[in-house]
Amino acid sequence: MASKARAASAIITSDVYERITKRIVEQLETGTRPWMQPWGGGGTPVRPLRHNGMAYRGINTVLLWMTAAENGYASRYWMTYKQAAELGGQVRKGETS
């Protein structure tokens, strides 16, 4: 049973890597380097922050930069649904990500 769970986890992880790689390649093909976005002063990228002010690290930083650029987001703060609920927030009915 544990091997089935491990195999399923490996497939999901592989799918995540493939989706991330595909997004990065798509942006590179359009001439955009996703890790070099001009959000900070002087063209320096500003690291995305969690709702509590801690900076994201690793590939999450690049993914959030790409998401912000694609959707025109200006805020550097991000949070999960669970974090928003803990702070008293609620997603409007019908909203999707």
PDB file of N, CA and C in Angstrom:
ATOM      1  N   MET A   1       0.819  -1.193   0.000  1.00  0.00           N
ATOM      2  CA  MET A   1       0.000   0.000   0.000  1.00  0.00           C
ATOM      3  C   MET A   1       0.861   1.254   0.000  1.00  0.00           C
ATOM      4  N   ALA A   2       1.970   1.223   0.739  1.00  0.00           N
ATOM      5  CA  ALA A   2       2.852   2.385   0.804  1.00  0.00           C
ATOM      6  C   ALA A   2       3.499   2.657  -0.543  1.00  0.00           C
ATOM      7  N   SER A   3       3.785   1.608  -1.301  1.00  0.00           N
ATOM      8  CA  SER A   3       4.414   1.806  -2.605  1.00  0.00           C
ATOM      9  C   SER A   3       3.453   2.476  -3.587  1.00  0.00           C
ATOM     10  N   LYS A   4       2.155   2.183  -3.482  1.00  0.00           N
ATOM     11  CA  LYS A   4       1.170   2.849  -4.337  1.00  0.00           C
ATOM     12  C   LYS A   4       1.104   4.334  -4.018  1.00  0.00           C
ATOM     13  N   ALA A   5       1.125   4.660  -2.734  1.00  0.00           N
ATOM     14  CA  ALA A   5       1.093   6.069  -2.320  1.00  0.00           C
ATOM     15  C   ALA A   5       2.347   6.786  -2.801  1.00  0.00           C
ATOM     16  N   ARG A   6       3.492   6.113  -2.699  1.00  0.00           N
ATOM     17  CA  ARG A   6       4.746   6.705  -3.160  1.00  0.00           C
ATOM     18  C   ARG A   6       4.715   6.923  -4.665  1.00  0.00           C
ATOM     19  N   ALA A   7       4.187   5.974  -5.402  1.00  0.00           N
ATOM     20  CA  ALA A   7       4.097   6.089  -6.857  1.00  0.00           C
ATOM     21  C   ALA A   7       3.172   7.242  -7.245  1.00  0.00           C
ATOM     22  N   ALA A   8       2.038   7.362  -6.563  1.00  0.00           N
ATOM     23  CA  ALA A   8       1.104   8.452  -6.838  1.00  0.00           C
ATOM     24  C   ALA A   8       1.749   9.791  -6.528  1.00  0.00           C
ATOM     25  N   SER A   9       2.485   9.853  -5.432  1.00  0.00           N
ATOM     26  CA  SER A   9       3.181  11.081  -5.063  1.00  0.00           C
ATOM     27  C   SER A   9       4.224  11.448  -6.104  1.00  0.00           C
ATOM     28  N   ALA A  10       4.939  10.460  -6.629  1.00  0.00           N
ATOM     29  CA  ALA A  10       5.957  10.700  -7.649  1.00  0.00           C
ATOM     30  C   ALA A  10       5.324  11.239  -8.924  1.00  0.00           C
ATOM     31  N   ILE A  11       4.150  10.731  -9.288  1.00  0.00           N
ATOM     32  CA  ILE A  11       3.450  11.206 -10.488  1.00  0.00           C
ATOM     33  C   ILE A  11       3.020  12.646 -10.299  1.00  0.00           C
ATOM     34  N   ILE A  12       2.467  12.972  -9.141  1.00  0.00           N
ATOM     35  CA  ILE A  12       2.034  14.339  -8.869  1.00  0.00           C
ATOM     36  C   ILE A  12       3.225  15.282  -8.882  1.00  0.00           C
ATOM     37  N   THR A  13       4.318  14.898  -8.231  1.00  0.00           N
ATOM     38  CA  THR A  13       5.518  15.716  -8.203  1.00  0.00           C
ATOM     39  C   THR A  13       6.051  15.925  -9.605  1.00  0.00           C
ATOM     40  N   SER A  14       6.094  14.865 -10.399  1.00  0.00           N
ATOM     41  CA  SER A  14       6.558  14.960 -11.772  1.00  0.00           C
ATOM     42  C   SER A  14       5.686  15.926 -12.567  1.00  0.00           C
ATOM     43  N   ASP A  15       4.376  15.856 -12.370  1.00  0.00           N
ATOM     44  CA  ASP A  15       3.452  16.740 -13.065  1.00  0.00           C
ATOM     45  C   ASP A  15       3.714  18.199 -12.686  1.00  0.00           C
ATOM     46  N   VAL A  16       3.972  18.471 -11.422  1.00  0.00           N
ATOM     47  CA  VAL A  16       4.257  19.828 -10.971  1.00  0.00           C
ATOM     48  C   VAL A  16       5.519  20.340 -11.654  1.00  0.00           C
ATOM     49  N   TYR A  17       6.571  19.524 -11.684  1.00  0.00           N
ATOM     50  CA  TYR A  17       7.814  19.928 -12.339  1.00  0.00           C
ATOM     51  C   TYR A  17       7.589  20.203 -13.821  1.00  0.00           C
ATOM     52  N   GLU A  18       6.783  19.370 -14.466  1.00  0.00           N
ATOM     53  CA  GLU A  18       6.505  19.561 -15.887  1.00  0.00           C
ATOM     54  C   GLU A  18       5.741  20.865 -16.122  1.00  0.00           C
ATOM     55  N   ARG A  19       4.758  21.163 -15.273  1.00  0.00           N
ATOM     56  CA  ARG A  19       3.995  22.407 -15.431  1.00  0.00           C
ATOM     57  C   ARG A  19       4.877  23.630 -15.224  1.00  0.00           C
ATOM     58  N   ILE A  20       5.738  23.584 -14.213  1.00  0.00           N
ATOM     59  CA  ILE A  20       6.635  24.708 -13.939  1.00  0.00           C
ATOM     60  C   ILE A  20       7.603  24.900 -15.103  1.00  0.00           C
ATOM     61  N   THR A  21       8.187  23.814 -15.568  1.00  0.00           N
ATOM     62  CA  THR A  21       9.127  23.888 -16.683  1.00  0.00           C
ATOM     63  C   THR A  21       8.438  24.444 -17.926  1.00  0.00           C
ATOM     64  N   LYS A  22       7.217  23.990 -18.181  1.00  0.00           N
ATOM     65  CA  LYS A  22       6.473  24.470 -19.346  1.00  0.00           C
ATOM     66  C   LYS A  22       6.226  25.970 -19.263  1.00  0.00           C
ATOM     67  N   ARG A  23       5.849  26.476 -18.093  1.00  0.00           N
ATOM     68  CA  ARG A  23       5.609  27.917 -17.931  1.00  0.00           C
ATOM     69  C   ARG A  23       6.879  28.725 -18.150  1.00  0.00           C
ATOM     70  N   ILE A  24       7.989  28.243 -17.605  1.00  0.00           N
ATOM     71  CA  ILE A  24       9.253  28.953 -17.761  1.00  0.00           C
ATOM     72  C   ILE A  24       9.679  28.966 -19.225  1.00  0.00           C
ATOM     73  N   VAL A  25       9.576  27.820 -19.898  1.00  0.00           N
ATOM     74  CA  VAL A  25       9.956  27.738 -21.312  1.00  0.00           C
ATOM     75  C   VAL A  25       9.067  28.650 -22.152  1.00  0.00           C
ATOM     76  N   GLU A  26       7.767  28.687 -21.886  1.00  0.00           N
ATOM     77  CA  GLU A  26       6.856  29.565 -22.631  1.00  0.00           C
ATOM     78  C   GLU A  26       7.284  31.021 -22.503  1.00  0.00           C
ATOM     79  N   GLN A  27       7.647  31.438 -21.282  1.00  0.00           N
ATOM     80  CA  GLN A  27       8.063  32.822 -21.091  1.00  0.00           C
ATOM     81  C   GLN A  27       9.397  33.098 -21.772  1.00  0.00           C
ATOM     82  N   LEU A  28      10.318  32.149 -21.716  1.00  0.00           N
ATOM     83  CA  LEU A  28      11.605  32.327 -22.384  1.00  0.00           C
ATOM     84  C   LEU A  28      11.422  32.447 -23.891  1.00  0.00           C
ATOM     85  N   GLU A  29      10.487  31.671 -24.449  1.00  0.00           N
ATOM     86  CA  GLU A  29      10.237  31.725 -25.885  1.00  0.00           C
ATOM     87  C   GLU A  29       9.645  33.054 -26.324  1.00  0.00           C
ATOM     88  N   THR A  30       8.945  33.747 -25.411  1.00  0.00           N
ATOM     89  CA  THR A  30       8.396  35.069 -25.746  1.00  0.00           C
ATOM     90  C   THR A  30       9.389  36.186 -25.448  1.00  0.00           C
ATOM     91  N   GLY A  31      10.587  35.807 -24.986  1.00  0.00           N
ATOM     92  CA  GLY A  31      11.618  36.811 -24.737  1.00  0.00           C
ATOM     93  C   GLY A  31      11.656  37.348 -23.324  1.00  0.00           C
ATOM     94  N   THR A  32      10.909  36.746 -22.417  1.00  0.00           N
ATOM     95  CA  THR A  32      10.876  37.190 -21.022  1.00  0.00           C
ATOM     96  C   THR A  32      11.677  36.240 -20.164  1.00  0.00           C
ATOM     97  N   ARG A  33      12.551  36.787 -19.334  1.00  0.00           N
ATOM     98  CA  ARG A  33      13.258  35.968 -18.348  1.00  0.00           C
ATOM     99  C   ARG A  33      12.483  36.113 -17.047  1.00  0.00           C
ATOM    100  N   PRO A  34      11.727  35.086 -16.613  1.00  0.00           N
ATOM    101  CA  PRO A  34      10.832  35.215 -15.469  1.00  0.00           C
ATOM    102  C   PRO A  34      11.527  35.571 -14.161  1.00  0.00           C
ATOM    103  N   TRP A  35      12.809  35.341 -14.059  1.00  0.00           N
ATOM    104  CA  TRP A  35      13.523  35.669 -12.823  1.00  0.00           C
ATOM    105  C   TRP A  35      14.054  37.090 -12.853  1.00  0.00           C
ATOM    106  N   MET A  36      13.813  37.848 -13.915  1.00  0.00           N
ATOM    107  CA  MET A  36      14.310  39.211 -14.039  1.00  0.00           C
ATOM    108  C   MET A  36      13.156  40.182 -14.275  1.00  0.00           C
ATOM    109  N   GLN A  37      12.206  40.214 -13.378  1.00  0.00           N
ATOM    110  CA  GLN A  37      11.070  41.114 -13.531  1.00  0.00           C
ATOM    111  C   GLN A  37      11.383  42.462 -12.870  1.00  0.00           C
ATOM    112  N   PRO A  38      10.941  43.571 -13.443  1.00  0.00           N
ATOM    113  CA  PRO A  38      11.298  44.906 -12.951  1.00  0.00           C
ATOM    114  C   PRO A  38      10.357  45.468 -11.886  1.00  0.00           C
ATOM    115  N   TRP A  39      10.122  44.727 -10.809  1.00  0.00           N
ATOM    116  CA  TRP A  39       9.179  45.227  -9.811  1.00  0.00           C
ATOM    117  C   TRP A  39       9.813  46.079  -8.731  1.00  0.00           C
ATOM    118  N   GLY A  40      11.070  45.930  -8.532  1.00  0.00           N
ATOM    119  CA  GLY A  40      11.728  46.691  -7.470  1.00  0.00           C
ATOM    120  C   GLY A  40      12.285  47.993  -7.995  1.00  0.00           C
ATOM    121  N   GLY A  41      12.829  48.807  -7.107  1.00  0.00           N
ATOM    122  CA  GLY A  41      13.465  50.049  -7.504  1.00  0.00           C
ATOM    123  C   GLY A  41      14.679  49.749  -8.358  1.00  0.00           C
ATOM    124  N   GLY A  42      14.833  50.460  -9.467  1.00  0.00           N
ATOM    125  CA  GLY A  42      15.985  50.271 -10.328  1.00  0.00           C
ATOM    126  C   GLY A  42      15.970  48.957 -11.093  1.00  0.00           C
ATOM    127  N   GLY A  43      14.804  48.335 -11.261  1.00  0.00           N
ATOM    128  CA  GLY A  43      14.712  47.094 -12.012  1.00  0.00           C
ATOM    129  C   GLY A  43      15.109  45.863 -11.220  1.00  0.00           C
ATOM    130  N   THR A  44      15.332  45.992  -9.920  1.00  0.00           N
ATOM    131  CA  THR A  44      15.686  44.852  -9.090  1.00  0.00           C
ATOM    132  C   THR A  44      14.428  44.114  -8.674  1.00  0.00           C
ATOM    133  N   PRO A  45      14.350  42.804  -8.903  1.00  0.00           N
ATOM    134  CA  PRO A  45      13.150  42.074  -8.496  1.00  0.00           C
ATOM    135  C   PRO A  45      12.944  42.125  -6.979  1.00  0.00           C
ATOM    136  N   VAL A  46      11.710  42.306  -6.578  1.00  0.00           N
ATOM    137  CA  VAL A  46      11.353  42.327  -5.155  1.00  0.00           C
ATOM    138  C   VAL A  46      10.814  40.957  -4.792  1.00  0.00           C
ATOM    139  N   ARG A  47      11.397  40.340  -3.769  1.00  0.00           N
ATOM    140  CA  ARG A  47      10.957  38.998  -3.389  1.00  0.00           C
ATOM    141  C   ARG A  47       9.541  39.022  -2.850  1.00  0.00           C
ATOM    142  N   PRO A  48       8.702  38.084  -3.284  1.00  0.00           N
ATOM    143  CA  PRO A  48       7.346  37.978  -2.753  1.00  0.00           C
ATOM    144  C   PRO A  48       7.393  37.616  -1.270  1.00  0.00           C
ATOM    145  N   LEU A  49       6.434  38.129  -0.526  1.00  0.00           N
ATOM    146  CA  LEU A  49       6.371  37.887   0.913  1.00  0.00           C
ATOM    147  C   LEU A  49       5.115  37.125   1.282  1.00  0.00           C
ATOM    148  N   ARG A  50       5.230  36.296   2.313  1.00  0.00           N
ATOM    149  CA  ARG A  50       4.060  35.658   2.898  1.00  0.00           C
ATOM    150  C   ARG A  50       3.275  36.728   3.646  1.00  0.00           C
ATOM    151  N   HIS A  51       2.084  36.402   4.037  1.00  0.00           N
ATOM    152  CA  HIS A  51       1.236  37.367   4.740  1.00  0.00           C
ATOM    153  C   HIS A  51       1.887  37.867   6.023  1.00  0.00           C
ATOM    154  N   ASN A  52       2.819  37.082   6.591  1.00  0.00           N
ATOM    155  CA  ASN A  52       3.457  37.472   7.855  1.00  0.00           C
ATOM    156  C   ASN A  52       4.787  38.180   7.640  1.00  0.00           C
ATOM    157  N   GLY A  53       5.132  38.500   6.395  1.00  0.00           N
ATOM    158  CA  GLY A  53       6.346  39.244   6.095  1.00  0.00           C
ATOM    159  C   GLY A  53       7.567  38.401   5.771  1.00  0.00           C
ATOM    160  N   MET A  54       7.474  37.088   5.902  1.00  0.00           N
ATOM    161  CA  MET A  54       8.604  36.217   5.564  1.00  0.00           C
ATOM    162  C   MET A  54       8.686  36.064   4.041  1.00  0.00           C
ATOM    163  N   ALA A  55       9.900  36.142   3.504  1.00  0.00           N
ATOM    164  CA  ALA A  55      10.091  36.045   2.058  1.00  0.00           C
ATOM    165  C   ALA A  55       9.971  34.597   1.584  1.00  0.00           C
ATOM    166  N   TYR A  56       9.361  34.416   0.409  1.00  0.00           N
ATOM    167  CA  TYR A  56       9.345  33.102  -0.219  1.00  0.00           C
ATOM    168  C   TYR A  56      10.744  32.803  -0.728  1.00  0.00           C
ATOM    169  N   ARG A  57      11.063  31.522  -0.880  1.00  0.00           N
ATOM    170  CA  ARG A  57      12.381  31.107  -1.343  1.00  0.00           C
ATOM    171  C   ARG A  57      12.242  30.120  -2.488  1.00  0.00           C
ATOM    172  N   GLY A  58      13.329  29.938  -3.206  1.00  0.00           N
ATOM    173  CA  GLY A  58      13.394  28.911  -4.235  1.00  0.00           C
ATOM    174  C   GLY A  58      12.461  29.158  -5.403  1.00  0.00           C
ATOM    175  N   ILE A  59      11.959  28.068  -5.954  1.00  0.00           N
ATOM    176  CA  ILE A  59      11.115  28.139  -7.153  1.00  0.00           C
ATOM    177  C   ILE A  59       9.816  28.876  -6.883  1.00  0.00           C
ATOM    178  N   ASN A  60       9.359  28.916  -5.612  1.00  0.00           N
ATOM    179  CA  ASN A  60       8.141  29.660  -5.288  1.00  0.00           C
ATOM    180  C   ASN A  60       8.290  31.129  -5.649  1.00  0.00           C
ATOM    181  N   THR A  61       9.481  31.680  -5.469  1.00  0.00           N
ATOM    182  CA  THR A  61       9.724  33.077  -5.818  1.00  0.00           C
ATOM    183  C   THR A  61       9.486  33.300  -7.308  1.00  0.00           C
ATOM    184  N   VAL A  62      10.071  32.446  -8.139  1.00  0.00           N
ATOM    185  CA  VAL A  62       9.921  32.586  -9.588  1.00  0.00           C
ATOM    186  C   VAL A  62       8.466  32.383 -10.002  1.00  0.00           C
ATOM    187  N   LEU A  63       7.806  31.379  -9.431  1.00  0.00           N
ATOM    188  CA  LEU A  63       6.397  31.125  -9.780  1.00  0.00           C
ATOM    189  C   LEU A  63       5.512  32.310  -9.419  1.00  0.00           C
ATOM    190  N   LEU A  64       5.739  32.903  -8.262  1.00  0.00           N
ATOM    191  CA  LEU A  64       4.922  34.049  -7.874  1.00  0.00           C
ATOM    192  C   LEU A  64       5.228  35.270  -8.724  1.00  0.00           C
ATOM    193  N   TRP A  65       6.488  35.459  -9.126  1.00  0.00           N
ATOM    194  CA  TRP A  65       6.817  36.553 -10.050  1.00  0.00           C
ATOM    195  C   TRP A  65       6.080  36.364 -11.367  1.00  0.00           C
ATOM    196  N   MET A  66       6.086  35.132 -11.898  1.00  0.00           N
ATOM    197  CA  MET A  66       5.413  34.868 -13.175  1.00  0.00           C
ATOM    198  C   MET A  66       3.907  35.087 -13.048  1.00  0.00           C
ATOM    199  N   THR A  67       3.320  34.613 -11.944  1.00  0.00           N
ATOM    200  CA  THR A  67       1.881  34.776 -11.736  1.00  0.00           C
ATOM    201  C   THR A  67       1.522  36.255 -11.635  1.00  0.00           C
ATOM    202  N   ALA A  68       2.339  37.027 -10.920  1.00  0.00           N
ATOM    203  CA  ALA A  68       2.082  38.459 -10.781  1.00  0.00           C
ATOM    204  C   ALA A  68       2.147  39.152 -12.142  1.00  0.00           C
ATOM    205  N   ALA A  69       3.150  38.808 -12.943  1.00  0.00           N
ATOM    206  CA  ALA A  69       3.292  39.425 -14.266  1.00  0.00           C
ATOM    207  C   ALA A  69       2.131  39.064 -15.180  1.00  0.00           C
ATOM    208  N   GLU A  70       1.733  37.795 -15.166  1.00  0.00           N
ATOM    209  CA  GLU A  70       0.648  37.334 -16.037  1.00  0.00           C
ATOM    210  C   GLU A  70      -0.686  37.979 -15.686  1.00  0.00           C
ATOM    211  N   ASN A  71      -0.901  38.265 -14.396  1.00  0.00           N
ATOM    212  CA  ASN A  71      -2.196  38.773 -13.945  1.00  0.00           C
ATOM    213  C   ASN A  71      -2.195  40.247 -13.583  1.00  0.00           C
ATOM    214  N   GLY A  72      -1.041  40.904 -13.687  1.00  0.00           N
ATOM    215  CA  GLY A  72      -0.962  42.337 -13.388  1.00  0.00           C
ATOM    216  C   GLY A  72      -1.049  42.657 -11.905  1.00  0.00           C
ATOM    217  N   TYR A  73      -0.642  41.727 -11.040  1.00  0.00           N
ATOM    218  CA  TYR A  73      -0.680  41.966  -9.602  1.00  0.00           C
ATOM    219  C   TYR A  73       0.462  42.881  -9.196  1.00  0.00           C
ATOM    220  N   ALA A  74       0.203  43.847  -8.330  1.00  0.00           N
ATOM    221  CA  ALA A  74       1.235  44.780  -7.879  1.00  0.00           C
ATOM    222  C   ALA A  74       1.721  44.463  -6.469  1.00  0.00           C
ATOM    223  N   SER A  75       0.888  43.819  -5.664  1.00  0.00           N
ATOM    224  CA  SER A  75       1.268  43.540  -4.284  1.00  0.00           C
ATOM    225  C   SER A  75       2.327  42.460  -4.229  1.00  0.00           C
ATOM    226  N   ARG A  76       3.234  42.569  -3.274  1.00  0.00           N
ATOM    227  CA  ARG A  76       4.240  41.530  -3.100  1.00  0.00           C
ATOM    228  C   ARG A  76       3.834  40.532  -2.031  1.00  0.00           C
ATOM    229  N   TYR A  77       2.638  40.680  -1.451  1.00  0.00           N
ATOM    230  CA  TYR A  77       2.172  39.797  -0.385  1.00  0.00           C
ATOM    231  C   TYR A  77       1.258  38.721  -0.955  1.00  0.00           C
ATOM    232  N   TRP A  78       1.444  37.489  -0.465  1.00  0.00           N
ATOM    233  CA  TRP A  78       0.670  36.342  -0.907  1.00  0.00           C
ATOM    234  C   TRP A  78       0.242  35.540   0.311  1.00  0.00           C
ATOM    235  N   MET A  79      -0.859  34.811   0.181  1.00  0.00           N
ATOM    236  CA  MET A  79      -1.270  33.904   1.244  1.00  0.00           C
ATOM    237  C   MET A  79      -2.148  32.807   0.667  1.00  0.00           C
ATOM    238  N   THR A  80      -2.221  31.724   1.407  1.00  0.00           N
ATOM    239  CA  THR A  80      -3.073  30.615   1.005  1.00  0.00           C
ATOM    240  C   THR A  80      -4.491  30.881   1.510  1.00  0.00           C
ATOM    241  N   TYR A  81      -5.423  30.084   1.030  1.00  0.00           N
ATOM    242  CA  TYR A  81      -6.800  30.204   1.500  1.00  0.00           C
ATOM    243  C   TYR A  81      -6.865  29.984   3.013  1.00  0.00           C
ATOM    244  N   LYS A  82      -6.137  28.974   3.495  1.00  0.00           N
ATOM    245  CA  LYS A  82      -6.149  28.660   4.924  1.00  0.00           C
ATOM    246  C   LYS A  82      -5.609  29.834   5.743  1.00  0.00           C
ATOM    247  N   GLN A  83      -4.536  30.463   5.269  1.00  0.00           N
ATOM    248  CA  GLN A  83      -3.982  31.616   5.977  1.00  0.00           C
ATOM    249  C   GLN A  83      -4.978  32.770   6.001  1.00  0.00           C
ATOM    250  N   ALA A  84      -5.668  32.987   4.888  1.00  0.00           N
ATOM    251  CA  ALA A  84      -6.667  34.051   4.840  1.00  0.00           C
ATOM    252  C   ALA A  84      -7.806  33.754   5.810  1.00  0.00           C
ATOM    253  N   ALA A  85      -8.246  32.503   5.862  1.00  0.00           N
ATOM    254  CA  ALA A  85      -9.328  32.120   6.778  1.00  0.00           C
ATOM    255  C   ALA A  85      -8.911  32.328   8.229  1.00  0.00           C
ATOM    256  N   GLU A  86      -7.653  32.009   8.559  1.00  0.00           N
ATOM    257  CA  GLU A  86      -7.162  32.214   9.924  1.00  0.00           C
ATOM    258  C   GLU A  86      -7.156  33.686  10.312  1.00  0.00           C
ATOM    259  N   LEU A  87      -7.000  34.555   9.322  1.00  0.00           N
ATOM    260  CA  LEU A  87      -7.000  35.997   9.576  1.00  0.00           C
ATOM    261  C   LEU A  87      -8.394  36.607   9.459  1.00  0.00           C
ATOM    262  N   GLY A  88      -9.413  35.763   9.237  1.00  0.00           N
ATOM    263  CA  GLY A  88     -10.789  36.232   9.151  1.00  0.00           C
ATOM    264  C   GLY A  88     -11.244  36.540   7.740  1.00  0.00           C
ATOM    265  N   GLY A  89     -10.437  36.205   6.743  1.00  0.00           N
ATOM    266  CA  GLY A  89     -10.799  36.463   5.354  1.00  0.00           C
ATOM    267  C   GLY A  89     -11.687  35.374   4.794  1.00  0.00           C
ATOM    268  N   GLN A  90     -12.344  35.674   3.683  1.00  0.00           N
ATOM    269  CA  GLN A  90     -13.196  34.700   3.023  1.00  0.00           C
ATOM    270  C   GLN A  90     -13.203  34.993   1.534  1.00  0.00           C
ATOM    271  N   VAL A  91     -13.141  33.950   0.726  1.00  0.00           N
ATOM    272  CA  VAL A  91     -13.208  34.097  -0.719  1.00  0.00           C
ATOM    273  C   VAL A  91     -14.657  34.287  -1.107  1.00  0.00           C
ATOM    274  N   ARG A  92     -14.883  35.216  -2.025  1.00  0.00           N
ATOM    275  CA  ARG A  92     -16.247  35.466  -2.477  1.00  0.00           C
ATOM    276  C   ARG A  92     -16.795  34.263  -3.239  1.00  0.00           C
ATOM    277  N   LYS A  93     -18.090  34.009  -3.088  1.00  0.00           N
ATOM    278  CA  LYS A  93     -18.728  32.902  -3.777  1.00  0.00           C
ATOM    279  C   LYS A  93     -18.517  33.027  -5.280  1.00  0.00           C
ATOM    280  N   GLY A  94     -18.082  31.922  -5.895  1.00  0.00           N
ATOM    281  CA  GLY A  94     -17.860  31.900  -7.332  1.00  0.00           C
ATOM    282  C   GLY A  94     -16.453  32.273  -7.751  1.00  0.00           C
ATOM    283  N   GLU A  95     -15.609  32.767  -6.834  1.00  0.00           N
ATOM    284  CA  GLU A  95     -14.239  33.133  -7.176  1.00  0.00           C
ATOM    285  C   GLU A  95     -13.425  31.873  -7.445  1.00  0.00           C
ATOM    286  N   THR A  96     -12.521  31.961  -8.386  1.00  0.00           N
ATOM    287  CA  THR A  96     -11.614  30.858  -8.677  1.00  0.00           C
ATOM    288  C   THR A  96     -10.209  31.422  -8.802  1.00  0.00           C
ATOM    289  N   SER A  97      -9.235  30.519  -8.730  1.00  0.00           N
ATOM    290  CA  SER A  97      -7.850  30.982  -8.863  1.00  0.00           C
ATOM    291  C   SER A  97      -7.416  30.951 -10.297  1.00  0.00           C
TER     292      SER A  97
END
